[in-house]
Amino acid sequence: MLGMAMADLLVMVVNVIVYYIFTYHFPFSFLLHTPVCRFVLYLTVITLDLSVWFTISFTFDRCVAICSTGLKTRYCTKRTAVIVLTTFTCAIVFKDVPVLFMYETMQITENVQWGCKADARFAASPFGSAFLLFHVLSIGPVPFTLMFLFNSLTVRRILAASRSRMKLRGNKSANEQDPEVVTRRKSIILLFAISGSFILLWITFVVSFYTTGLTNSNSYRGDRANPA
C-alpha cells in the first residue's frame, strides 16, 4: 500500500501541481521550454502508469494472500514487494521512452524553443501507432479486467470461507458475532473501496483519453514574441 500511496502522490505532484497548475498559470516559465515540456509530459505518463499498475499489484497481492495459503508464504513478503515494485517501475520507465519523441516545438522565439505539440509523423508511423495502441490497452481495458478478475476471486474465496465457518458455528447463538466473519467483511469493504475509488477516478481520464487521444496534447499558451 505504501508504493501505491507514493505513486498516487507523484500523480498529484507531477500531473496536477507541475503540469496543470504551474504550466497553465505561469505560461512563460522555463517549464514551457520544449526540452523541459517534453520531460514533464514524459513524467505525467510515467506517474499515471505507476499509479495504475501499483494498484493492480496490490490487488493481486491481496488475492494471493486470501486465495492461496501455500503461495502466500512465498509471495507476500517485503522482499517480493520490493522486487515487484522495482520491476514495474523499470519496465514502465522503459516502456514510456517513446513519449519523449512524440512532441515537437510549437514556436521558436529568439532561438528559444517554446511549447510542445504532437508530432503527426510519429502518430502516423507504424511504431507510433503500435505504441499508442499498447499504451491505451495498458491504462484501460487490461488493468480494469485484471482488477475485476482478482477482486472476483478474492470475494468468492472470502464468501465461501465465511459460509463454511458459519456452518461450523451453527450451534452458536445467532446474535453472537464471529470476529473472523467481521474481519472478512471489513476486508471486502476495504477491497471494494480501493477498487471503486480507482475505477471512479480513472474512468474520467480513460474516457477523455479515448475521446481526445494522446496525440491531441498540446502544452503551449500565448505568443512568446508578444507576451502582452
C-alpha atoms as a PDB file:
ATOM      1  CA  MET A   1       0.000   0.000   0.000  1.00  0.00           C
ATOM      2  CA  LEU A   2       2.946   2.321   0.623  1.00  0.00           C
ATOM      3  CA  GLY A   3       4.053   2.013  -3.011  1.00  0.00           C
ATOM      4  CA  MET A   4       0.506   2.658  -4.207  1.00  0.00           C
ATOM      5  CA  ALA A   5       0.236   5.749  -1.993  1.00  0.00           C
ATOM      6  CA  MET A   6       3.581   7.069  -3.240  1.00  0.00           C
ATOM      7  CA  ALA A   7       2.520   6.593  -6.867  1.00  0.00           C
ATOM      8  CA  ASP A   8      -0.724   8.490  -6.240  1.00  0.00           C
ATOM      9  CA  LEU A   9       1.241  11.253  -4.515  1.00  0.00           C
ATOM     10  CA  LEU A  10       3.511  11.535  -7.558  1.00  0.00           C
ATOM     11  CA  VAL A  11       0.422  11.909  -9.750  1.00  0.00           C
ATOM     12  CA  MET A  12      -0.735  14.813  -7.571  1.00  0.00           C
ATOM     13  CA  VAL A  13       2.686  16.495  -7.657  1.00  0.00           C
ATOM     14  CA  VAL A  14       3.643  15.974 -11.316  1.00  0.00           C
ATOM     15  CA  ASN A  15       0.295  15.876 -13.125  1.00  0.00           C
ATOM     16  CA  VAL A  16      -1.719  18.308 -11.036  1.00  0.00           C
ATOM     17  CA  ILE A  17       0.753  20.749  -9.487  1.00  0.00           C
ATOM     18  CA  VAL A  18       3.539  20.870 -12.094  1.00  0.00           C
ATOM     19  CA  TYR A  19       1.630  20.223 -15.316  1.00  0.00           C
ATOM     20  CA  TYR A  20      -1.852  21.629 -14.757  1.00  0.00           C
ATOM     21  CA  ILE A  21      -1.149  24.420 -12.258  1.00  0.00           C
ATOM     22  CA  PHE A  22       2.392  25.664 -12.845  1.00  0.00           C
ATOM     23  CA  THR A  23       2.443  25.422 -16.640  1.00  0.00           C
ATOM     24  CA  TYR A  24      -1.038  26.918 -17.030  1.00  0.00           C
ATOM     25  CA  HIS A  25      -0.651  29.778 -14.564  1.00  0.00           C
ATOM     26  CA  PHE A  26       2.995  30.536 -15.413  1.00  0.00           C
ATOM     27  CA  PRO A  27       2.978  30.221 -19.211  1.00  0.00           C
ATOM     28  CA  PHE A  28       6.307  31.996 -19.680  1.00  0.00           C
ATOM     29  CA  SER A  29       8.325  29.936 -17.211  1.00  0.00           C
ATOM     30  CA  PHE A  30      11.127  27.512 -18.045  1.00  0.00           C
ATOM     31  CA  LEU A  31       8.603  24.657 -17.811  1.00  0.00           C
ATOM     32  CA  LEU A  32       7.374  25.589 -21.286  1.00  0.00           C
ATOM     33  CA  HIS A  33      10.809  25.308 -22.891  1.00  0.00           C
ATOM     34  CA  THR A  34      10.429  22.417 -25.312  1.00  0.00           C
ATOM     35  CA  PRO A  35      13.009  20.044 -23.716  1.00  0.00           C
ATOM     36  CA  VAL A  36      11.529  20.621 -20.251  1.00  0.00           C
ATOM     37  CA  CYS A  37       7.994  20.390 -21.602  1.00  0.00           C
ATOM     38  CA  ARG A  38       8.740  17.017 -23.205  1.00  0.00           C
ATOM     39  CA  PHE A  39      10.224  15.724 -19.980  1.00  0.00           C
ATOM     40  CA  VAL A  40       7.221  16.902 -17.936  1.00  0.00           C
ATOM     41  CA  LEU A  41       4.840  15.132 -20.327  1.00  0.00           C
ATOM     42  CA  TYR A  42       7.009  12.028 -20.074  1.00  0.00           C
ATOM     43  CA  LEU A  43       6.773  12.174 -16.275  1.00  0.00           C
ATOM     44  CA  THR A  44       2.985  12.590 -16.380  1.00  0.00           C
ATOM     45  CA  VAL A  45       2.641   9.399 -18.414  1.00  0.00           C
ATOM     46  CA  ILE A  46       5.039   7.511 -16.124  1.00  0.00           C
ATOM     47  CA  THR A  47       3.284   8.554 -12.914  1.00  0.00           C
ATOM     48  CA  LEU A  48      -0.133   7.596 -14.301  1.00  0.00           C
ATOM     49  CA  ASP A  49       1.171   4.193 -15.354  1.00  0.00           C
ATOM     50  CA  LEU A  50       2.792   3.655 -11.951  1.00  0.00           C
ATOM     51  CA  SER A  51      -0.435   4.546 -10.168  1.00  0.00           C
ATOM     52  CA  VAL A  52      -2.413   2.062 -12.256  1.00  0.00           C
ATOM     53  CA  TRP A  53      -0.031  -0.864 -12.030  1.00  0.00           C
ATOM     54  CA  PHE A  54       0.888  -0.391  -8.369  1.00  0.00           C
ATOM     55  CA  THR A  55      -2.840  -0.604  -7.620  1.00  0.00           C
ATOM     56  CA  ILE A  56      -3.098  -3.777  -9.712  1.00  0.00           C
ATOM     57  CA  SER A  57      -0.098  -5.278  -7.923  1.00  0.00           C
ATOM     58  CA  PHE A  58      -1.705  -4.512  -4.545  1.00  0.00           C
ATOM     59  CA  THR A  59      -4.961  -6.148  -5.669  1.00  0.00           C
ATOM     60  CA  PHE A  60      -3.054  -9.226  -6.830  1.00  0.00           C
ATOM     61  CA  ASP A  61      -1.131  -9.349  -3.552  1.00  0.00           C
ATOM     62  CA  ARG A  62      -4.397  -9.384  -1.569  1.00  0.00           C
ATOM     63  CA  CYS A  63      -5.797 -12.023  -3.912  1.00  0.00           C
ATOM     64  CA  VAL A  64      -2.812 -14.298  -3.316  1.00  0.00           C
ATOM     65  CA  ALA A  65      -2.863 -13.692   0.437  1.00  0.00           C
ATOM     66  CA  ILE A  66      -6.523 -14.701   0.697  1.00  0.00           C
ATOM     67  CA  CYS A  67      -6.914 -17.311  -2.030  1.00  0.00           C
ATOM     68  CA  SER A  68      -3.636 -19.255  -1.854  1.00  0.00           C
ATOM     69  CA  THR A  69      -2.241 -20.177   1.548  1.00  0.00           C
ATOM     70  CA  GLY A  70       0.720 -22.039   0.048  1.00  0.00           C
ATOM     71  CA  LEU A  71       1.773 -19.224  -2.270  1.00  0.00           C
ATOM     72  CA  LYS A  72       1.148 -16.588   0.419  1.00  0.00           C
ATOM     73  CA  THR A  73       4.195 -17.581   2.476  1.00  0.00           C
ATOM     74  CA  ARG A  74       6.497 -17.235  -0.546  1.00  0.00           C
ATOM     75  CA  TYR A  75       4.945 -14.282  -2.385  1.00  0.00           C
ATOM     76  CA  CYS A  76       3.511 -11.973   0.289  1.00  0.00           C
ATOM     77  CA  THR A  77       6.818 -10.811   1.721  1.00  0.00           C
ATOM     78  CA  LYS A  78       8.585  -7.462   1.925  1.00  0.00           C
ATOM     79  CA  ARG A  79      11.360  -8.673  -0.387  1.00  0.00           C
ATOM     80  CA  THR A  80       8.889  -9.764  -3.056  1.00  0.00           C
ATOM     81  CA  ALA A  81       7.020  -6.453  -2.790  1.00  0.00           C
ATOM     82  CA  VAL A  82      10.253  -4.518  -3.358  1.00  0.00           C
ATOM     83  CA  ILE A  83      11.148  -6.693  -6.364  1.00  0.00           C
ATOM     84  CA  VAL A  84       7.684  -6.361  -7.905  1.00  0.00           C
ATOM     85  CA  LEU A  85       7.509  -2.581  -7.467  1.00  0.00           C
ATOM     86  CA  THR A  86      11.063  -2.114  -8.772  1.00  0.00           C
ATOM     87  CA  THR A  87      10.347  -4.305 -11.789  1.00  0.00           C
ATOM     88  CA  PHE A  88       7.154  -2.406 -12.582  1.00  0.00           C
ATOM     89  CA  THR A  89       8.957   0.935 -12.233  1.00  0.00           C
ATOM     90  CA  CYS A  90      11.840  -0.033 -14.546  1.00  0.00           C
ATOM     91  CA  ALA A  91       9.500  -1.574 -17.109  1.00  0.00           C
ATOM     92  CA  ILE A  92       7.224   1.489 -17.166  1.00  0.00           C
ATOM     93  CA  VAL A  93      10.123   3.961 -17.408  1.00  0.00           C
ATOM     94  CA  PHE A  94      11.480   1.996 -20.369  1.00  0.00           C
ATOM     95  CA  LYS A  95       8.050   1.474 -21.984  1.00  0.00           C
ATOM     96  CA  ASP A  96       7.233   5.188 -21.966  1.00  0.00           C
ATOM     97  CA  VAL A  97      10.510   6.370 -23.531  1.00  0.00           C
ATOM     98  CA  PRO A  98       8.770   6.908 -26.930  1.00  0.00           C
ATOM     99  CA  VAL A  99       6.755   9.714 -25.298  1.00  0.00           C
ATOM    100  CA  LEU A 100       9.925  11.828 -25.407  1.00  0.00           C
ATOM    101  CA  PHE A 101       9.807  11.647 -29.220  1.00  0.00           C
ATOM    102  CA  MET A 102       6.077  12.226 -29.634  1.00  0.00           C
ATOM    103  CA  TYR A 103       6.215  16.013 -29.367  1.00  0.00           C
ATOM    104  CA  GLU A 104       7.850  18.779 -31.348  1.00  0.00           C
ATOM    105  CA  THR A 105       8.408  22.506 -30.855  1.00  0.00           C
ATOM    106  CA  MET A 106       5.393  24.773 -31.290  1.00  0.00           C
ATOM    107  CA  GLN A 107       7.229  28.071 -31.640  1.00  0.00           C
ATOM    108  CA  ILE A 108      10.803  29.366 -31.815  1.00  0.00           C
ATOM    109  CA  THR A 109      11.400  32.860 -30.482  1.00  0.00           C
ATOM    110  CA  GLU A 110      14.893  34.355 -30.379  1.00  0.00           C
ATOM    111  CA  ASN A 111      16.399  30.890 -30.864  1.00  0.00           C
ATOM    112  CA  VAL A 112      14.464  29.552 -27.868  1.00  0.00           C
ATOM    113  CA  GLN A 113      12.133  26.598 -28.395  1.00  0.00           C
ATOM    114  CA  TRP A 114       8.751  27.013 -26.721  1.00  0.00           C
ATOM    115  CA  GLY A 115       5.873  24.639 -26.150  1.00  0.00           C
ATOM    116  CA  CYS A 116       5.091  21.101 -27.240  1.00  0.00           C
ATOM    117  CA  LYS A 117       2.719  19.809 -29.859  1.00  0.00           C
ATOM    118  CA  ALA A 118       2.078  16.290 -31.016  1.00  0.00           C
ATOM    119  CA  ASP A 119       4.261  15.161 -33.896  1.00  0.00           C
ATOM    120  CA  ALA A 120       1.850  13.928 -36.573  1.00  0.00           C
ATOM    121  CA  ARG A 121       4.627  11.962 -38.256  1.00  0.00           C
ATOM    122  CA  PHE A 122       5.187   9.926 -35.101  1.00  0.00           C
ATOM    123  CA  ALA A 123       1.483   9.177 -34.685  1.00  0.00           C
ATOM    124  CA  ALA A 124       1.182   8.139 -38.336  1.00  0.00           C
ATOM    125  CA  SER A 125       4.216   5.857 -38.268  1.00  0.00           C
ATOM    126  CA  PRO A 126       3.754   2.105 -37.653  1.00  0.00           C
ATOM    127  CA  PHE A 127       5.827   2.297 -34.470  1.00  0.00           C
ATOM    128  CA  GLY A 128       3.888   5.301 -33.188  1.00  0.00           C
ATOM    129  CA  SER A 129       0.533   3.679 -33.909  1.00  0.00           C
ATOM    130  CA  ALA A 130       1.622   0.459 -32.184  1.00  0.00           C
ATOM    131  CA  PHE A 131       2.872   2.382 -29.151  1.00  0.00           C
ATOM    132  CA  LEU A 132      -0.346   4.381 -28.828  1.00  0.00           C
ATOM    133  CA  LEU A 133      -2.451   1.228 -29.079  1.00  0.00           C
ATOM    134  CA  PHE A 134      -0.307  -0.539 -26.486  1.00  0.00           C
ATOM    135  CA  HIS A 135      -0.472   2.488 -24.183  1.00  0.00           C
ATOM    136  CA  VAL A 136      -4.262   2.692 -24.452  1.00  0.00           C
ATOM    137  CA  LEU A 137      -4.590  -1.004 -23.604  1.00  0.00           C
ATOM    138  CA  SER A 138      -2.157  -0.728 -20.685  1.00  0.00           C
ATOM    139  CA  ILE A 139      -4.093   2.050 -18.923  1.00  0.00           C
ATOM    140  CA  GLY A 140      -7.642   0.989 -19.785  1.00  0.00           C
ATOM    141  CA  PRO A 141      -9.010  -2.443 -20.663  1.00  0.00           C
ATOM    142  CA  VAL A 142      -6.160  -4.572 -19.302  1.00  0.00           C
ATOM    143  CA  PRO A 143      -5.972  -3.039 -15.766  1.00  0.00           C
ATOM    144  CA  PHE A 144      -9.752  -2.959 -15.369  1.00  0.00           C
ATOM    145  CA  THR A 145     -10.039  -6.586 -16.498  1.00  0.00           C
ATOM    146  CA  LEU A 146      -7.293  -7.725 -14.119  1.00  0.00           C
ATOM    147  CA  MET A 147      -8.795  -5.809 -11.216  1.00  0.00           C
ATOM    148  CA  PHE A 148     -12.224  -7.323 -11.857  1.00  0.00           C
ATOM    149  CA  LEU A 149     -10.691 -10.813 -12.082  1.00  0.00           C
ATOM    150  CA  PHE A 150      -8.589 -10.535  -8.897  1.00  0.00           C
ATOM    151  CA  ASN A 151     -11.424  -8.962  -6.909  1.00  0.00           C
ATOM    152  CA  SER A 152     -13.876 -11.604  -8.074  1.00  0.00           C
ATOM    153  CA  LEU A 153     -11.557 -14.420  -6.968  1.00  0.00           C
ATOM    154  CA  THR A 154     -10.877 -12.723  -3.629  1.00  0.00           C
ATOM    155  CA  VAL A 155     -14.521 -12.033  -2.824  1.00  0.00           C
ATOM    156  CA  ARG A 156     -15.583 -15.537  -3.855  1.00  0.00           C
ATOM    157  CA  ARG A 157     -12.943 -17.021  -1.572  1.00  0.00           C
ATOM    158  CA  ILE A 158     -13.940 -14.808   1.361  1.00  0.00           C
ATOM    159  CA  LEU A 159     -17.656 -15.589   0.963  1.00  0.00           C
ATOM    160  CA  ALA A 160     -17.009 -19.325   0.644  1.00  0.00           C
ATOM    161  CA  ALA A 161     -14.825 -19.329   3.766  1.00  0.00           C
ATOM    162  CA  SER A 162     -17.428 -17.286   5.662  1.00  0.00           C
ATOM    163  CA  ARG A 163     -20.244 -19.687   4.742  1.00  0.00           C
ATOM    164  CA  SER A 164     -18.164 -22.672   5.840  1.00  0.00           C
ATOM    165  CA  ARG A 165     -17.332 -21.004   9.140  1.00  0.00           C
ATOM    166  CA  MET A 166     -20.980 -20.109   9.777  1.00  0.00           C
ATOM    167  CA  LYS A 167     -21.992 -23.754   9.213  1.00  0.00           C
ATOM    168  CA  LEU A 168     -19.368 -24.905  11.682  1.00  0.00           C
ATOM    169  CA  ARG A 169     -20.686 -22.407  14.209  1.00  0.00           C
ATOM    170  CA  GLY A 170     -24.291 -23.356  13.573  1.00  0.00           C
ATOM    171  CA  ASN A 171     -24.873 -24.247  17.195  1.00  0.00           C
ATOM    172  CA  LYS A 172     -23.802 -20.821  18.371  1.00  0.00           C
ATOM    173  CA  SER A 173     -26.197 -18.031  19.118  1.00  0.00           C
ATOM    174  CA  ALA A 174     -27.468 -16.275  16.018  1.00  0.00           C
ATOM    175  CA  ASN A 175     -26.908 -12.922  17.680  1.00  0.00           C
ATOM    176  CA  GLU A 176     -23.284 -13.667  18.519  1.00  0.00           C
ATOM    177  CA  GLN A 177     -20.906 -12.044  16.076  1.00  0.00           C
ATOM    178  CA  ASP A 178     -17.985 -14.067  14.804  1.00  0.00           C
ATOM    179  CA  PRO A 179     -14.814 -11.908  14.916  1.00  0.00           C
ATOM    180  CA  GLU A 180     -13.400 -13.767  11.909  1.00  0.00           C
ATOM    181  CA  VAL A 181     -16.510 -13.076   9.813  1.00  0.00           C
ATOM    182  CA  VAL A 182     -16.430  -9.422  10.855  1.00  0.00           C
ATOM    183  CA  THR A 183     -12.774  -9.185   9.808  1.00  0.00           C
ATOM    184  CA  ARG A 184     -13.530 -10.744   6.431  1.00  0.00           C
ATOM    185  CA  ARG A 185     -16.434  -8.384   5.925  1.00  0.00           C
ATOM    186  CA  LYS A 186     -14.122  -5.452   6.594  1.00  0.00           C
ATOM    187  CA  SER A 187     -11.625  -6.892   4.096  1.00  0.00           C
ATOM    188  CA  ILE A 188     -14.318  -6.954   1.408  1.00  0.00           C
ATOM    189  CA  ILE A 189     -15.297  -3.361   2.215  1.00  0.00           C
ATOM    190  CA  LEU A 190     -11.654  -2.213   2.000  1.00  0.00           C
ATOM    191  CA  LEU A 191     -11.156  -4.090  -1.245  1.00  0.00           C
ATOM    192  CA  PHE A 192     -14.211  -2.560  -2.878  1.00  0.00           C
ATOM    193  CA  ALA A 193     -13.384   0.894  -1.508  1.00  0.00           C
ATOM    194  CA  ILE A 194      -9.946   0.837  -3.141  1.00  0.00           C
ATOM    195  CA  SER A 195     -11.234  -0.693  -6.372  1.00  0.00           C
ATOM    196  CA  GLY A 196     -14.233   1.625  -6.528  1.00  0.00           C
ATOM    197  CA  SER A 197     -12.112   4.713  -5.964  1.00  0.00           C
ATOM    198  CA  PHE A 198      -9.658   3.531  -8.614  1.00  0.00           C
ATOM    199  CA  ILE A 199     -12.394   2.957 -11.193  1.00  0.00           C
ATOM    200  CA  LEU A 200     -14.282   6.190 -10.467  1.00  0.00           C
ATOM    201  CA  LEU A 201     -11.147   8.337 -10.548  1.00  0.00           C
ATOM    202  CA  TRP A 202      -9.738   6.679 -13.658  1.00  0.00           C
ATOM    203  CA  ILE A 203     -12.892   6.417 -15.717  1.00  0.00           C
ATOM    204  CA  THR A 204     -12.847  10.171 -16.427  1.00  0.00           C
ATOM    205  CA  PHE A 205      -9.236  10.017 -17.622  1.00  0.00           C
ATOM    206  CA  VAL A 206      -9.850   6.949 -19.774  1.00  0.00           C
ATOM    207  CA  VAL A 207     -12.966   8.492 -21.376  1.00  0.00           C
ATOM    208  CA  SER A 208     -11.073  11.727 -22.016  1.00  0.00           C
ATOM    209  CA  PHE A 209      -8.148   9.799 -23.479  1.00  0.00           C
ATOM    210  CA  TYR A 210     -10.376   7.783 -25.802  1.00  0.00           C
ATOM    211  CA  THR A 211     -12.275  10.867 -26.991  1.00  0.00           C
ATOM    212  CA  THR A 212      -9.352  13.243 -27.492  1.00  0.00           C
ATOM    213  CA  GLY A 213      -6.374  10.927 -27.915  1.00  0.00           C
ATOM    214  CA  LEU A 214      -2.883  11.201 -26.548  1.00  0.00           C
ATOM    215  CA  THR A 215      -1.713  12.946 -29.716  1.00  0.00           C
ATOM    216  CA  ASN A 216      -4.002  15.938 -29.109  1.00  0.00           C
ATOM    217  CA  SER A 217      -1.968  17.030 -26.066  1.00  0.00           C
ATOM    218  CA  ASN A 218      -0.503  20.490 -26.644  1.00  0.00           C
ATOM    219  CA  SER A 219       1.473  22.334 -23.996  1.00  0.00           C
ATOM    220  CA  TYR A 220       1.676  25.907 -25.147  1.00  0.00           C
ATOM    221  CA  ARG A 221      -0.198  29.047 -24.200  1.00  0.00           C
ATOM    222  CA  GLY A 222       0.404  32.529 -25.521  1.00  0.00           C
ATOM    223  CA  ASP A 223       2.634  34.241 -28.044  1.00  0.00           C
ATOM    224  CA  ARG A 224       6.275  34.161 -26.946  1.00  0.00           C
ATOM    225  CA  ALA A 225       7.133  37.043 -29.278  1.00  0.00           C
ATOM    226  CA  ASN A 226       4.379  39.197 -27.746  1.00  0.00           C
ATOM    227  CA  PRO A 227       3.766  38.207 -24.110  1.00  0.00           C
ATOM    228  CA  ALA A 228       1.379  41.117 -23.578  1.00  0.00           C
END
